[in-house]
Each structure stands twice: as structure tokens, then as C-alpha cells.
Amino acid sequence: MLCVLNKPKMSTKEDYDCIVIGAGVQGSFTAYQLAKQNKKTLLLEQFILPHTRGSSHGQTRIIRKAYEQDFYTHMMEECYQLWAQLEREADVKLYRRTGLLVMGPEKAPDYQLIKNTLQRNLVPTVILKREDFSQHIPHVNLSDGDEALVDTTAGVLYADRALKTVQGQFQKLGGVIKDGQKVTDIKPGPVVTVSTSSGVYRAKSLVITAGAWANTVLSHVGLQLPLQVVRINVCYWKEKLPGSYDVKCRFPCFLQVECKEAKDHIYGLPSNEYPGLIKVCYHTGSETDPDERDKQTDRSDIELLQRYIARCFPGLVPEPAVVESCMYTVTPDRHFVLDCHPTYSNIVIGAGFSGHGFKFGPIVGKLLCELSQGEVPSYDLSPFRIRRFQAKSKAAL
């Protein structure tokens, strides 16, 4: 008589409270916030970490309260506190205060909106008079008709370090990161099933923060958002006299709201990544496929920047010394998407950060965590709801 041993069946499925797809800054902070709430959390990433294929890589980003809209300035109040909290928890420096110089035509609507928002919200701000400008900001030519102010709370975030830090803190809290796992299928339901190239995972809730690949992932759950992916040329320009625009010499980050060379914003950060080079970029780019971004070779933004730098930054060589790339995932109104799926309330979406989302990572993570747990969000999310696009689509019919 044969004795048959009853071996337990091996399950290829792993169960979690929440799965987060996309380990950029927004997904990593969401996973970290969930782990702080003692939720068993899985963070999935399609590429091997760390990588430079998305929108969260690079050494620096600007952090600021200078915005046209009150709701961003209000969110940044708490965001600064959350960044400082992460610094304390990990004992790592993630932020350097430099101030943000904002320049723009006196009558330009965007410049006036920023100025009014800062003053209305009592953000420490210095208005620079034209006659005193060069004393405070050497090596910069203020354009005729331009005004200037400084958001003194602003500065530089150390982006790569921040991303590594929040992922490390997530893992210390028991969170699981699985990289090199591209999502191949999602089955909605009371328990969501996520299939990847390497496994099958289940969770009570799902958060999608897939950056430029958001619509690719959302196609598995029957949703497409009006997102445009653009490739940005990240340009570094050489100082003629080393130290002229260095952070140690207290040169600020800057934002040129409008100028004769450009309709969109131009922004810059003091020398940091590469000694003797400062980052100056145009805040828009050419549409691209995120999987084919290196084939995009448009240089019109670089030519625009060369003309601007030759005119306004006489201490820089008007030819980029280094050109890297990054991707923006842009919504029609350039505001974020922070919302639940219209059909499946346990699937939450963070997308369309439009090239200005990195600094909001801690607060976006908190909000997406709240949405995934069915809690009332800490802020009014009406500017970020999916229905704003649906309403416009119906109006156009």
C-alpha cells in the first residue's frame, strides 16, 4: 500500500494590504506613509533601482512656496515640515535653503499671481527694486520692464538622496520593494490582483504612480487620462569665472516667468552637481514615447536658452557643457491627478505631475495613502480630480 504525503500547495500569490506601482518619488512616499500606518505594503518598479529612465532622478530639484495658486502654497507649508521630519528620522541632509529669485514682466499675469499669492499667504518675501537689483543679485541682467522678488524660504532638494532615503525608511518599517517587475495585468475587485513579469500579488488596495507610463498601466483597468509625455533637455552651463553662481556664494535658484525668448518658464539652480556648472532649463519639451525618449533630438529649447543666457547671464558660457534628459507627464491644466478610479474605489491614481511635483512628494504620499485607506483627505482635492477632464470633454461635444 502506497503512503501518499499531503504536501501543501505552493502559492505563487503574495497578499498585501496595499500595492504601489512605480517607485519614483510619489510612489516611494506613498509606500512609506502606508508602512507608517502599519500597512503591509509592496512597492513595485519596472526598472532595476536606481535608474534614470523616469522623472525622479538627478541630484537636485527646486523647493518653493512661490506659486500662482493658493492651494499649492498651502500644501507646501506642511510639505516643508514633512521633508524636515524625514531628515530627522534618517539623519540625512535633504534640503539647502538658497531662496528663489522670481523675475518677470511687471504686468505679466503669472508674475503678479505669484507675487500676490506669496504676500497673501505671508510667505517671507523680499521685493527687489531695479536700482538695487545688481547689488543683491550680481552677474544677472534684469530684463527691461521686469520686476523681481525672492521667496526666501525656497531652496534646493537633493533629489537622488531624497529618493534613496525615503525608500530606505520604507524598508526599515518592513516595506517590500521589488524592482525589475513590469506590470503585465491588473484584475480589479475587492482584492486587486497585480501580475508582473516575475510574480502575482494581491492587495486590498492599489496605488498607481507610474509616471510617464501611467496610461500604460491604467489601460489594464480600463482608464486613459489626457496625459502628454514630454522629454526635457536638462542643461548645465559653465561659469566663466568659477564661483560666480555657486550655492556657497549664496546664489539663489531662479524662475524667469516670461521673457522675449520664451513664453514658458525658464528655471535654474546654482552650481551643485557639476562644479563650475549651473543648471538652467526650459520648463517644457517635445512630446515623446517614454520607451523611445532617447530618439527625441529636438534642440529648439537649447537654442532658446542660449539666447536667454547670452542676454541675461553674462557670467555663463552660452553653450551647454552637459545635456541630460528627464520626462514630464503633463496634464492639460498642469495640475496633478490625485483621485480614485471612477469605477474601482480601491484603486488610487497619482499622475500628471507636470514637471513640478518632486517637491510635493511627502504630501502627495500622505494624500494617496489617505485615499487608499478610504479616509477623508487632508486637503481639498477638487483641483486634482479626474472629473475635471470629463467635464471639459462633455462641454466640447
Protein backbone atom coordinates (compact mmCIF):
# COMPACT_ATOMS: atom_id res chain seq x y z
CA MET A 1 0.00 0.00 0.00
CA LEU A 2 1.42 3.37 -1.04
CA CYS A 3 1.54 6.12 1.54
CA VAL A 4 0.83 9.48 -0.09
CA LEU A 5 2.10 12.52 1.76
CA ASN A 6 -0.20 15.53 1.67
CA LYS A 7 2.19 18.28 0.58
CA PRO A 8 0.92 21.84 0.97
CA LYS A 9 0.23 23.56 -2.34
CA MET A 10 2.76 26.23 -3.18
CA SER A 11 1.04 29.53 -3.92
CA THR A 12 2.61 31.94 -6.37
CA LYS A 13 0.45 34.73 -4.98
CA GLU A 14 1.51 37.10 -2.20
CA ASP A 15 -1.02 39.12 -0.21
CA TYR A 16 -0.59 42.71 0.98
CA ASP A 17 -2.71 45.49 2.42
CA CYS A 18 -1.63 47.76 -0.43
CA ILE A 19 0.44 47.58 -3.60
CA VAL A 20 2.06 50.72 -5.05
CA ILE A 21 3.11 50.62 -8.72
CA GLY A 22 6.01 52.95 -9.54
CA ALA A 23 8.95 53.68 -7.24
CA GLY A 24 9.57 57.29 -8.20
CA VAL A 25 9.28 59.99 -5.57
CA GLN A 26 5.46 59.92 -5.39
CA GLY A 27 5.16 56.14 -5.16
CA SER A 28 8.02 55.83 -2.69
CA PHE A 29 6.49 58.41 -0.33
CA THR A 30 3.07 56.76 -0.66
CA ALA A 31 4.54 53.38 0.28
CA TYR A 32 6.44 54.98 3.18
CA GLN A 33 3.25 56.62 4.51
CA LEU A 34 1.37 53.31 4.26
CA ALA A 35 4.13 51.49 6.13
CA LYS A 36 3.98 54.16 8.85
CA GLN A 37 0.30 53.22 9.22
CA ASN A 38 1.41 49.58 9.78
CA LYS A 39 0.05 48.50 6.39
CA LYS A 40 1.78 45.56 4.74
CA THR A 41 2.93 47.31 1.56
CA LEU A 42 4.60 46.24 -1.68
CA LEU A 43 6.34 48.81 -3.89
CA LEU A 44 6.75 47.60 -7.50
CA GLU A 45 9.15 49.13 -10.02
CA GLN A 46 9.57 48.08 -13.65
CA PHE A 47 13.26 49.03 -13.83
CA ILE A 48 16.20 47.92 -11.69
CA LEU A 49 16.79 50.55 -8.98
CA PRO A 50 18.28 53.10 -9.02
CA HIS A 51 17.58 54.19 -12.60
CA THR A 52 17.49 57.34 -14.73
CA ARG A 53 14.62 56.41 -17.05
CA GLY A 54 11.79 58.34 -15.39
CA SER A 55 11.15 61.71 -13.75
CA SER A 56 12.62 61.40 -10.24
CA HIS A 57 16.35 61.03 -10.95
CA GLY A 58 19.02 63.72 -10.82
CA GLN A 59 20.82 65.36 -7.95
CA THR A 60 18.71 68.47 -7.42
CA ARG A 61 15.21 69.97 -7.60
CA ILE A 62 13.82 73.35 -6.54
CA ILE A 63 11.60 73.54 -3.46
CA ARG A 64 9.43 76.67 -3.20
CA LYS A 65 6.21 78.21 -1.99
CA ALA A 66 6.14 80.64 -4.92
CA TYR A 67 3.08 79.55 -6.91
CA GLU A 68 0.25 81.17 -8.82
CA GLN A 69 -2.33 79.13 -6.86
CA ASP A 70 -3.01 79.32 -3.12
CA PHE A 71 -3.65 75.58 -2.86
CA TYR A 72 -0.06 74.71 -3.81
CA THR A 73 1.36 77.28 -1.39
CA HIS A 74 -0.86 75.88 1.40
CA MET A 75 0.26 72.30 0.67
CA MET A 76 3.90 73.36 0.70
CA GLU A 77 3.57 74.70 4.25
CA GLU A 78 3.14 71.15 5.57
CA CYS A 79 5.43 69.70 2.92
CA TYR A 80 8.44 71.61 4.29
CA GLN A 81 7.67 70.12 7.71
CA LEU A 82 7.46 66.59 6.27
CA TRP A 83 10.77 66.97 4.46
CA ALA A 84 12.37 68.16 7.72
CA GLN A 85 10.80 65.21 9.56
CA LEU A 86 12.35 62.76 7.08
CA GLU A 87 15.73 64.48 7.51
CA ARG A 88 15.50 63.96 11.27
CA GLU A 89 14.33 60.35 11.02
CA ALA A 90 17.13 59.33 8.66
CA ASP A 91 19.75 61.82 9.93
CA VAL A 92 20.38 62.93 6.32
CA LYS A 93 20.53 66.44 4.86
CA LEU A 94 17.99 66.71 2.03
CA TYR A 95 17.43 70.47 1.68
CA ARG A 96 19.57 73.57 1.35
CA ARG A 97 17.97 76.97 1.66
CA THR A 98 19.06 79.34 -1.12
CA GLY A 99 15.97 81.45 -1.80
CA LEU A 100 14.19 81.59 -5.15
CA LEU A 101 14.61 84.64 -7.38
CA VAL A 102 11.43 85.19 -9.41
CA MET A 103 11.71 87.54 -12.40
CA GLY A 104 9.00 88.56 -14.83
CA PRO A 105 7.38 91.46 -16.67
CA GLU A 106 5.69 93.79 -14.21
CA LYS A 107 2.30 93.33 -15.87
CA ALA A 108 2.61 89.62 -16.69
CA PRO A 109 -0.36 87.78 -15.11
CA ASP A 110 1.72 84.82 -13.90
CA TYR A 111 4.28 87.05 -12.20
CA GLN A 112 1.57 89.09 -10.46
CA LEU A 113 -0.23 85.91 -9.35
CA ILE A 114 2.97 84.56 -7.75
CA LYS A 115 3.66 87.89 -6.05
CA ASN A 116 0.09 88.18 -4.75
CA THR A 117 0.00 84.57 -3.52
CA LEU A 118 3.23 84.97 -1.59
CA GLN A 119 2.07 88.22 0.02
CA ARG A 120 -1.46 86.95 0.75
CA ASN A 121 -0.07 83.85 2.48
CA LEU A 122 2.55 85.83 4.41
CA VAL A 123 5.45 83.89 2.90
CA PRO A 124 8.74 85.67 3.76
CA THR A 125 9.44 87.58 0.55
CA VAL A 126 11.84 90.33 -0.49
CA ILE A 127 10.81 92.66 -3.34
CA LEU A 128 13.94 93.77 -5.21
CA LYS A 129 13.99 97.29 -6.58
CA ARG A 130 15.52 97.66 -10.02
CA GLU A 131 18.11 100.17 -8.79
CA ASP A 132 19.31 97.75 -6.11
CA PHE A 133 19.00 94.53 -8.10
CA SER A 134 22.64 94.13 -9.13
CA GLN A 135 23.80 94.64 -5.54
CA HIS A 136 21.71 91.71 -4.36
CA ILE A 137 21.94 89.52 -7.47
CA PRO A 138 25.28 90.02 -9.25
CA HIS A 139 26.02 88.51 -12.69
CA VAL A 140 22.35 88.67 -13.77
CA ASN A 141 20.86 91.28 -16.12
CA LEU A 142 17.26 92.07 -15.21
CA SER A 143 15.27 92.49 -18.42
CA ASP A 144 13.76 95.87 -19.22
CA GLY A 145 10.28 96.06 -17.72
CA ASP A 146 10.88 93.14 -15.38
CA GLU A 147 10.24 93.09 -11.65
CA ALA A 148 11.97 90.72 -9.26
CA LEU A 149 11.30 89.18 -5.86
CA VAL A 150 12.81 86.46 -3.69
CA ASP A 151 10.89 83.69 -1.92
CA THR A 152 13.38 83.41 0.94
CA THR A 153 12.06 80.02 2.15
CA ALA A 154 12.96 78.29 -1.13
CA GLY A 155 15.99 76.22 -1.92
CA VAL A 156 17.46 73.04 -3.32
CA LEU A 157 16.29 69.48 -2.65
CA TYR A 158 18.87 66.74 -3.08
CA ALA A 159 16.68 64.54 -5.26
CA ASP A 160 18.62 61.27 -5.67
CA ARG A 161 19.49 61.32 -1.97
CA ALA A 162 15.86 62.01 -1.05
CA LEU A 163 14.57 59.11 -3.13
CA LYS A 164 17.12 56.70 -1.69
CA THR A 165 16.34 57.92 1.84
CA VAL A 166 12.56 57.51 1.67
CA GLN A 167 12.91 54.05 0.12
CA GLY A 168 15.34 53.09 2.88
CA GLN A 169 12.97 54.33 5.58
CA PHE A 170 10.11 52.39 3.94
CA GLN A 171 12.16 49.20 4.10
CA LYS A 172 13.12 49.85 7.74
CA LEU A 173 9.39 49.93 8.50
CA GLY A 174 9.00 46.47 6.96
CA GLY A 175 8.04 47.57 3.45
CA VAL A 176 8.95 45.40 0.47
CA ILE A 177 10.45 46.75 -2.77
CA LYS A 178 10.51 44.53 -5.85
CA ASP A 179 12.26 46.11 -8.83
CA GLY A 180 12.69 44.82 -12.37
CA GLN A 181 9.00 43.84 -12.37
CA LYS A 182 6.93 45.29 -15.19
CA VAL A 183 3.17 45.09 -14.65
CA THR A 184 1.51 42.83 -17.23
CA ASP A 185 -2.06 42.68 -15.88
CA ILE A 186 -4.35 44.07 -13.18
CA LYS A 187 -7.61 42.40 -12.15
CA PRO A 188 -9.83 44.81 -10.16
CA GLY A 189 -12.12 43.64 -7.39
CA PRO A 190 -12.47 43.77 -3.58
CA VAL A 191 -8.99 42.25 -3.69
CA VAL A 192 -6.89 43.60 -6.57
CA THR A 193 -4.59 41.14 -8.35
CA VAL A 194 -1.44 42.53 -9.98
CA SER A 195 0.58 40.34 -12.33
CA THR A 196 4.16 41.23 -13.26
CA SER A 197 6.90 39.68 -15.33
CA SER A 198 8.03 37.82 -12.19
CA GLY A 199 5.04 37.20 -9.93
CA VAL A 200 1.42 37.66 -8.95
CA TYR A 201 0.46 39.85 -5.99
CA ARG A 202 -2.86 40.67 -4.29
CA ALA A 203 -3.92 43.53 -2.09
CA LYS A 204 -6.97 45.25 -0.64
CA SER A 205 -5.98 48.47 -2.39
CA LEU A 206 -3.74 49.59 -5.24
CA VAL A 207 -1.99 52.91 -5.86
CA ILE A 208 -0.74 53.67 -9.37
CA THR A 209 2.12 56.20 -9.55
CA ALA A 210 3.73 55.10 -12.79
CA GLY A 211 4.87 58.48 -14.10
CA ALA A 212 5.30 58.57 -17.86
CA TRP A 213 3.91 55.03 -18.03
CA ALA A 214 0.68 55.93 -16.17
CA ASN A 215 -1.63 55.37 -19.13
CA THR A 216 0.13 52.11 -20.00
CA VAL A 217 -0.66 50.79 -16.51
CA LEU A 218 -4.14 52.36 -16.43
CA SER A 219 -5.05 50.56 -19.66
CA HIS A 220 -5.25 47.38 -17.55
CA VAL A 221 -8.11 48.92 -15.56
CA GLY A 222 -9.99 50.50 -18.46
CA LEU A 223 -8.94 54.12 -17.94
CA GLN A 224 -6.99 56.65 -20.00
CA LEU A 225 -6.17 60.17 -18.83
CA PRO A 226 -5.27 63.19 -21.00
CA LEU A 227 -1.55 62.92 -20.24
CA GLN A 228 1.20 64.13 -22.56
CA VAL A 229 4.75 62.85 -22.03
CA VAL A 230 7.48 65.32 -22.98
CA ARG A 231 11.26 64.99 -22.94
CA ILE A 232 13.13 67.84 -21.25
CA ASN A 233 16.72 68.75 -22.04
CA VAL A 234 18.39 69.26 -18.66
CA CYS A 235 21.22 71.69 -19.45
CA TYR A 236 24.30 72.66 -17.45
CA TRP A 237 26.21 75.85 -18.34
CA LYS A 238 29.82 76.68 -17.48
CA GLU A 239 30.75 79.66 -15.35
CA LYS A 240 33.30 81.96 -16.98
CA LEU A 241 34.58 82.82 -13.51
CA PRO A 242 34.29 79.80 -11.16
CA GLY A 243 32.10 80.56 -8.15
CA SER A 244 30.02 83.32 -9.75
CA TYR A 245 26.81 81.30 -9.48
CA ASP A 246 27.82 78.89 -6.73
CA VAL A 247 25.48 77.91 -3.89
CA LYS A 248 28.32 78.71 -1.45
CA CYS A 249 28.29 82.28 -2.76
CA ARG A 250 24.58 82.40 -1.90
CA PHE A 251 23.40 82.47 -5.50
CA PRO A 252 19.70 81.55 -5.42
CA CYS A 253 17.58 79.24 -7.51
CA PHE A 254 15.66 81.30 -10.05
CA LEU A 255 12.46 81.33 -12.08
CA GLN A 256 12.03 83.53 -15.15
CA VAL A 257 8.26 83.70 -15.54
CA GLU A 258 8.20 85.16 -19.04
CA CYS A 259 10.68 86.80 -21.38
CA LYS A 260 11.12 87.73 -25.03
CA GLU A 261 12.84 84.41 -25.76
CA ALA A 262 10.23 82.20 -24.14
CA LYS A 263 6.53 82.02 -23.36
CA ASP A 264 7.00 79.30 -20.77
CA HIS A 265 9.10 79.45 -17.60
CA ILE A 266 12.89 79.17 -17.56
CA TYR A 267 14.35 77.92 -14.29
CA GLY A 268 17.80 77.45 -12.82
CA LEU A 269 19.71 76.14 -9.82
CA PRO A 270 23.12 77.19 -8.51
CA SER A 271 26.23 75.13 -9.16
CA ASN A 272 25.98 71.83 -7.29
CA GLU A 273 26.01 68.59 -9.34
CA TYR A 274 28.96 69.55 -11.51
CA PRO A 275 31.50 72.03 -10.04
CA GLY A 276 31.54 75.20 -12.09
CA LEU A 277 28.32 74.37 -13.95
CA ILE A 278 24.82 75.68 -13.17
CA LYS A 279 21.56 74.05 -14.25
CA VAL A 280 19.31 76.20 -16.46
CA CYS A 281 16.35 74.58 -18.26
CA TYR A 282 13.25 75.43 -20.23
CA HIS A 283 10.09 74.24 -18.50
CA THR A 284 8.68 72.35 -21.46
CA GLY A 285 9.82 69.96 -24.17
CA SER A 286 8.86 67.82 -27.14
CA GLU A 287 6.32 65.03 -26.96
CA THR A 288 7.89 61.59 -26.73
CA ASP A 289 7.23 57.91 -26.16
CA PRO A 290 8.73 57.13 -22.72
CA ASP A 291 10.25 53.93 -24.10
CA GLU A 292 11.83 55.79 -27.01
CA ARG A 293 12.84 59.04 -25.36
CA ASP A 294 16.50 58.84 -26.42
CA LYS A 295 15.41 59.06 -30.06
CA GLN A 296 13.99 62.54 -29.40
CA THR A 297 16.65 65.01 -30.61
CA ASP A 298 14.82 68.36 -30.72
CA ARG A 299 17.17 71.19 -29.67
CA SER A 300 14.85 74.18 -30.10
CA ASP A 301 14.71 74.65 -26.32
CA ILE A 302 18.52 74.68 -26.14
CA GLU A 303 18.74 77.36 -28.82
CA LEU A 304 16.16 79.42 -26.91
CA LEU A 305 18.18 79.05 -23.70
CA GLN A 306 21.39 80.07 -25.46
CA ARG A 307 19.82 83.38 -26.48
CA TYR A 308 18.42 83.96 -22.99
CA ILE A 309 21.69 83.17 -21.24
CA ALA A 310 23.74 85.36 -23.60
CA ARG A 311 21.43 88.28 -22.76
CA CYS A 312 20.75 87.77 -19.03
CA PHE A 313 23.61 85.68 -17.59
CA PRO A 314 26.83 87.30 -18.83
CA GLY A 315 28.93 85.14 -16.49
CA LEU A 316 27.97 81.91 -18.28
CA VAL A 317 29.31 80.42 -21.50
CA PRO A 318 26.20 80.40 -23.75
CA GLU A 319 26.72 76.83 -24.90
CA PRO A 320 25.63 73.90 -22.70
CA ALA A 321 28.56 71.91 -21.27
CA VAL A 322 26.38 68.93 -20.31
CA VAL A 323 22.91 67.94 -21.57
CA GLU A 324 20.92 65.23 -19.78
CA SER A 325 17.24 64.34 -20.08
CA CYS A 326 14.15 63.97 -17.95
CA MET A 327 10.47 63.40 -18.67
CA TYR A 328 7.44 65.42 -17.68
CA THR A 329 3.97 63.86 -17.71
CA VAL A 330 1.75 66.86 -18.34
CA THR A 331 -1.99 67.36 -17.81
CA PRO A 332 -3.92 69.97 -19.86
CA ASP A 333 -4.06 72.37 -16.90
CA ARG A 334 -0.66 71.30 -15.46
CA HIS A 335 -2.27 70.32 -12.15
CA PHE A 336 -1.80 66.87 -10.67
CA VAL A 337 -4.15 63.89 -10.73
CA LEU A 338 -4.84 62.67 -7.17
CA ASP A 339 -8.00 60.61 -7.19
CA CYS A 340 -9.69 57.23 -7.01
CA HIS A 341 -10.53 55.28 -10.15
CA PRO A 342 -14.04 56.29 -11.32
CA THR A 343 -15.25 52.67 -11.10
CA TYR A 344 -12.97 50.98 -8.55
CA SER A 345 -12.68 52.97 -5.32
CA ASN A 346 -9.81 50.81 -4.01
CA ILE A 347 -7.60 51.79 -6.98
CA VAL A 348 -5.97 55.20 -6.43
CA ILE A 349 -4.09 57.25 -9.02
CA GLY A 350 -1.28 59.79 -8.68
CA ALA A 351 -0.23 61.12 -12.08
CA GLY A 352 0.42 64.14 -14.28
CA PHE A 353 2.89 65.94 -12.03
CA SER A 354 3.78 68.18 -14.98
CA GLY A 355 7.41 68.84 -14.09
CA HIS A 356 6.74 70.46 -10.71
CA GLY A 357 5.76 67.53 -8.50
CA PHE A 358 9.01 66.37 -6.85
CA LYS A 359 8.90 68.88 -4.00
CA PHE A 360 5.36 67.71 -3.17
CA GLY A 361 6.43 64.07 -2.70
CA PRO A 362 5.80 63.89 1.07
CA ILE A 363 2.34 65.49 0.92
CA VAL A 364 1.31 63.57 -2.20
CA GLY A 365 2.34 60.36 -0.44
CA LYS A 366 0.21 61.31 2.56
CA LEU A 367 -2.82 62.14 0.38
CA LEU A 368 -2.60 58.98 -1.75
CA CYS A 369 -2.24 56.94 1.45
CA GLU A 370 -5.40 58.57 2.83
CA LEU A 371 -7.33 57.91 -0.38
CA SER A 372 -6.23 54.28 -0.47
CA GLN A 373 -7.48 53.78 3.09
CA GLY A 374 -10.86 55.41 2.41
CA GLU A 375 -10.06 58.37 4.67
CA VAL A 376 -11.08 61.99 4.15
CA PRO A 377 -8.05 63.64 2.52
CA SER A 378 -6.17 66.32 4.44
CA TYR A 379 -6.65 68.87 1.63
CA ASP A 380 -9.38 69.80 -0.83
CA LEU A 381 -8.58 67.63 -3.85
CA SER A 382 -11.08 69.22 -6.24
CA PRO A 383 -8.25 70.77 -8.39
CA PHE A 384 -6.81 67.29 -8.82
CA ARG A 385 -9.92 65.18 -9.52
CA ILE A 386 -10.31 63.18 -12.75
CA ARG A 387 -13.80 64.57 -13.33
CA ARG A 388 -12.39 67.96 -14.32
CA PHE A 389 -11.23 66.39 -17.60
CA GLN A 390 -14.51 64.55 -18.13
CA ALA A 391 -16.48 67.76 -17.62
CA LYS A 392 -14.38 69.55 -20.26
CA SER A 393 -14.74 66.65 -22.68
CA LYS A 394 -18.55 66.77 -22.39
CA ALA A 395 -18.54 70.54 -22.80
CA ALA A 396 -16.60 70.17 -26.05
CA LEU A 397 -19.21 67.81 -27.55
